[in-house]
């Protein structure tokens, strides 16, 4: 059998497409630009920079919803499949119980090691930030925003909340009947 005509695969793709139809490009775009506006404090940016960001937002309107939905479908098929979810579960199991032994705390980092690790993470964050967006925002705003984002990612409470929301979303994708029990991801639904 060819994988393209496999009835179970076709049913899975149809189910994914029905979920993707509920995702609006305008809502995603609006949420992303709102996040950028808050993190990089664009409300206090100069007029030229604010106009550049507005132009960039207008430029993204040219993106077609079909290309966006195709990207969502491809990523969903690639990353939210039984095989990939099993690999995530295996990764977490190996992280918590390496070689069948319950997780044991590592030796605490020295202040220098902690500072080096934080500096390395900040450097990687800067390297992964798009140069075009940094040019539009300007160096000062970009660095301030990346510092704020870095601090958020260093905060255990923020990271735990993000992990819980992602796990809730993943579990709801697998078990939709748990919708009345899992509440972390409902916060995201209430915002949108």
Protein backbone atom coordinates (compact mmCIF):
# COMPACT_ATOMS: atom_id res chain seq x y z
CA UNK A 1 0.00 0.00 0.00
CA UNK A 2 1.12 3.53 -0.68
CA UNK A 3 1.15 5.86 2.29
CA UNK A 4 -0.74 8.55 0.34
CA UNK A 5 -3.80 6.33 -0.12
CA UNK A 6 -3.77 4.68 3.30
CA UNK A 7 -7.32 5.24 4.70
CA UNK A 8 -6.12 5.79 8.26
CA UNK A 9 -3.60 8.40 7.10
CA UNK A 10 -6.26 10.15 5.01
CA UNK A 11 -8.61 10.18 8.01
CA UNK A 12 -5.85 11.59 10.21
CA UNK A 13 -5.09 14.36 7.71
CA UNK A 14 -8.80 15.19 7.41
CA UNK A 15 -9.07 15.43 11.20
CA UNK A 16 -6.00 17.67 11.41
CA UNK A 17 -7.33 19.89 8.61
CA UNK A 18 -10.62 20.34 10.45
CA UNK A 19 -8.70 21.55 13.53
CA UNK A 20 -6.46 23.80 11.43
CA UNK A 21 -9.50 25.46 9.85
CA UNK A 22 -10.29 26.87 13.31
CA UNK A 23 -6.92 28.66 13.48
CA UNK A 24 -7.13 32.16 12.03
CA UNK A 25 -3.97 33.69 10.58
CA UNK A 26 -5.12 37.14 11.69
CA UNK A 27 -5.36 36.00 15.33
CA UNK A 28 -1.91 34.38 15.22
CA UNK A 29 -0.43 37.46 13.53
CA UNK A 30 -2.10 39.76 16.06
CA UNK A 31 -0.85 37.70 19.01
CA UNK A 32 2.72 37.61 17.68
CA UNK A 33 2.81 41.36 17.08
CA UNK A 34 1.28 42.03 20.49
CA UNK A 35 3.98 39.89 22.09
CA UNK A 36 6.68 41.74 20.13
CA UNK A 37 5.10 45.08 21.10
CA UNK A 38 5.14 44.22 24.82
CA UNK A 39 8.54 42.56 24.98
CA UNK A 40 10.28 45.25 22.95
CA UNK A 41 8.29 48.13 24.48
CA UNK A 42 7.24 49.52 21.12
CA UNK A 43 4.70 51.85 22.74
CA UNK A 44 7.60 54.06 23.78
CA UNK A 45 9.55 53.65 20.52
CA UNK A 46 10.18 56.65 18.30
CA UNK A 47 7.77 57.50 15.48
CA UNK A 48 9.93 56.09 12.67
CA UNK A 49 10.42 52.75 14.42
CA UNK A 50 6.71 52.50 15.23
CA UNK A 51 5.88 53.16 11.57
CA UNK A 52 8.39 50.52 10.45
CA UNK A 53 6.76 47.94 12.71
CA UNK A 54 3.31 48.97 11.43
CA UNK A 55 4.60 48.57 7.85
CA UNK A 56 6.02 45.16 8.74
CA UNK A 57 2.65 44.15 10.19
CA UNK A 58 0.93 45.35 7.01
CA UNK A 59 3.45 43.42 4.91
CA UNK A 60 2.55 40.21 6.75
CA UNK A 61 -1.03 40.70 5.58
CA UNK A 62 0.19 39.60 2.15
CA UNK A 63 0.79 36.12 3.54
CA UNK A 64 -1.95 33.91 2.29
CA UNK A 65 -3.99 31.87 4.72
CA UNK A 66 -3.44 28.81 2.51
CA UNK A 67 0.35 28.95 2.92
CA UNK A 68 -0.08 29.39 6.66
CA UNK A 69 -2.50 26.48 6.90
CA UNK A 70 -0.21 24.29 4.77
CA UNK A 71 2.67 25.13 7.15
CA UNK A 72 0.50 24.22 10.15
CA UNK A 73 -0.53 20.94 8.51
CA UNK A 74 3.04 19.97 7.60
CA UNK A 75 4.34 20.77 11.09
CA UNK A 76 1.44 18.97 12.76
CA UNK A 77 2.01 15.85 10.66
CA UNK A 78 5.74 16.02 11.37
CA UNK A 79 5.74 16.83 15.10
CA UNK A 80 2.37 15.65 16.48
CA UNK A 81 2.27 12.06 15.32
CA UNK A 82 2.19 8.89 17.38
CA UNK A 83 5.87 8.27 16.66
CA UNK A 84 6.99 11.81 17.61
CA UNK A 85 4.84 11.88 20.76
CA UNK A 86 6.31 8.50 21.74
CA UNK A 87 9.80 9.97 21.27
CA UNK A 88 8.84 12.93 23.51
CA UNK A 89 7.57 10.54 26.18
CA UNK A 90 10.74 8.46 25.89
CA UNK A 91 12.86 11.61 26.19
CA UNK A 92 11.02 12.71 29.35
CA UNK A 93 11.26 9.19 30.80
CA UNK A 94 15.02 9.10 30.14
CA UNK A 95 15.34 12.60 31.58
CA UNK A 96 13.53 11.67 34.81
CA UNK A 97 14.65 8.03 35.07
CA UNK A 98 17.97 7.69 33.26
CA UNK A 99 18.78 3.99 32.85
CA UNK A 100 15.81 3.11 35.07
CA UNK A 101 17.15 5.07 38.06
CA UNK A 102 14.94 7.78 39.55
CA UNK A 103 16.12 11.31 38.87
CA UNK A 104 18.77 12.51 41.27
CA UNK A 105 19.69 16.14 41.70
CA UNK A 106 22.85 17.23 39.99
CA UNK A 107 25.67 18.83 41.88
CA UNK A 108 24.72 22.50 42.28
CA UNK A 109 26.45 24.85 39.87
CA UNK A 110 29.01 27.27 41.16
CA UNK A 111 28.12 30.95 40.74
CA UNK A 112 30.67 31.17 37.91
CA UNK A 113 29.22 28.12 36.11
CA UNK A 114 25.73 29.52 36.54
CA UNK A 115 26.79 32.91 35.16
CA UNK A 116 28.60 31.25 32.22
CA UNK A 117 25.54 29.14 31.41
CA UNK A 118 23.25 32.18 31.60
CA UNK A 119 25.59 34.18 29.39
CA UNK A 120 25.76 31.35 26.87
CA UNK A 121 21.96 31.10 26.80
CA UNK A 122 21.67 34.87 26.29
CA UNK A 123 24.18 34.69 23.44
CA UNK A 124 22.25 31.86 21.75
CA UNK A 125 19.02 33.84 22.13
CA UNK A 126 20.61 36.82 20.37
CA UNK A 127 21.99 34.61 17.57
CA UNK A 128 18.56 33.11 16.91
CA UNK A 129 16.83 36.51 16.74
CA UNK A 130 16.12 37.60 13.14
CA UNK A 131 18.59 40.26 11.98
CA UNK A 132 15.92 41.97 9.86
CA UNK A 133 13.66 42.47 12.86
CA UNK A 134 16.60 43.68 14.96
CA UNK A 135 17.40 46.25 12.25
CA UNK A 136 13.80 47.53 12.33
CA UNK A 137 13.61 47.64 16.12
CA UNK A 138 17.05 49.14 16.65
CA UNK A 139 19.87 47.86 18.82
CA UNK A 140 18.73 49.33 22.16
CA UNK A 141 15.15 48.08 21.94
CA UNK A 142 16.30 44.68 20.64
CA UNK A 143 18.78 44.21 23.48
CA UNK A 144 16.27 45.37 26.13
CA UNK A 145 13.61 43.03 24.75
CA UNK A 146 16.00 40.09 24.55
CA UNK A 147 17.12 40.80 28.13
CA UNK A 148 13.48 40.70 29.26
CA UNK A 149 12.84 37.48 27.31
CA UNK A 150 16.03 35.95 28.73
CA UNK A 151 14.98 36.82 32.28
CA UNK A 152 11.56 35.25 31.68
CA UNK A 153 13.19 32.05 30.41
CA UNK A 154 15.45 31.97 33.49
CA UNK A 155 12.43 32.09 35.82
CA UNK A 156 11.41 28.63 37.05
CA UNK A 157 7.78 29.63 37.61
CA UNK A 158 7.42 30.93 34.05
CA UNK A 159 9.06 27.81 32.62
CA UNK A 160 6.86 25.50 34.70
CA UNK A 161 3.74 27.35 33.55
CA UNK A 162 4.85 27.06 29.92
CA UNK A 163 5.55 23.33 30.29
CA UNK A 164 2.19 22.70 31.97
CA UNK A 165 0.36 24.59 29.21
CA UNK A 166 2.20 22.67 26.49
CA UNK A 167 1.49 19.34 28.20
CA UNK A 168 -2.19 20.27 28.60
CA UNK A 169 -2.40 21.19 24.93
CA UNK A 170 -0.68 17.96 23.92
CA UNK A 171 -2.94 15.84 26.15
CA UNK A 172 -6.03 17.62 24.80
CA UNK A 173 -4.91 16.86 21.26
CA UNK A 174 -4.63 13.17 22.18
CA UNK A 175 -7.61 12.97 24.57
CA UNK A 176 -10.18 15.68 23.71
CA UNK A 177 -12.56 14.26 26.31
CA UNK A 178 -10.29 15.70 29.05
CA UNK A 179 -11.37 19.22 28.08
CA UNK A 180 -13.31 19.70 31.32
CA UNK A 181 -10.38 18.54 33.52
CA UNK A 182 -7.33 20.23 31.99
CA UNK A 183 -7.38 23.97 32.61
CA UNK A 184 -3.89 25.35 31.90
CA UNK A 185 -4.37 25.69 28.15
CA UNK A 186 -7.80 27.31 28.68
CA UNK A 187 -5.92 30.44 29.73
CA UNK A 188 -4.64 30.68 26.18
CA UNK A 189 -8.13 30.21 24.76
CA UNK A 190 -9.46 32.98 27.02
CA UNK A 191 -6.78 35.40 25.80
CA UNK A 192 -7.55 34.81 22.14
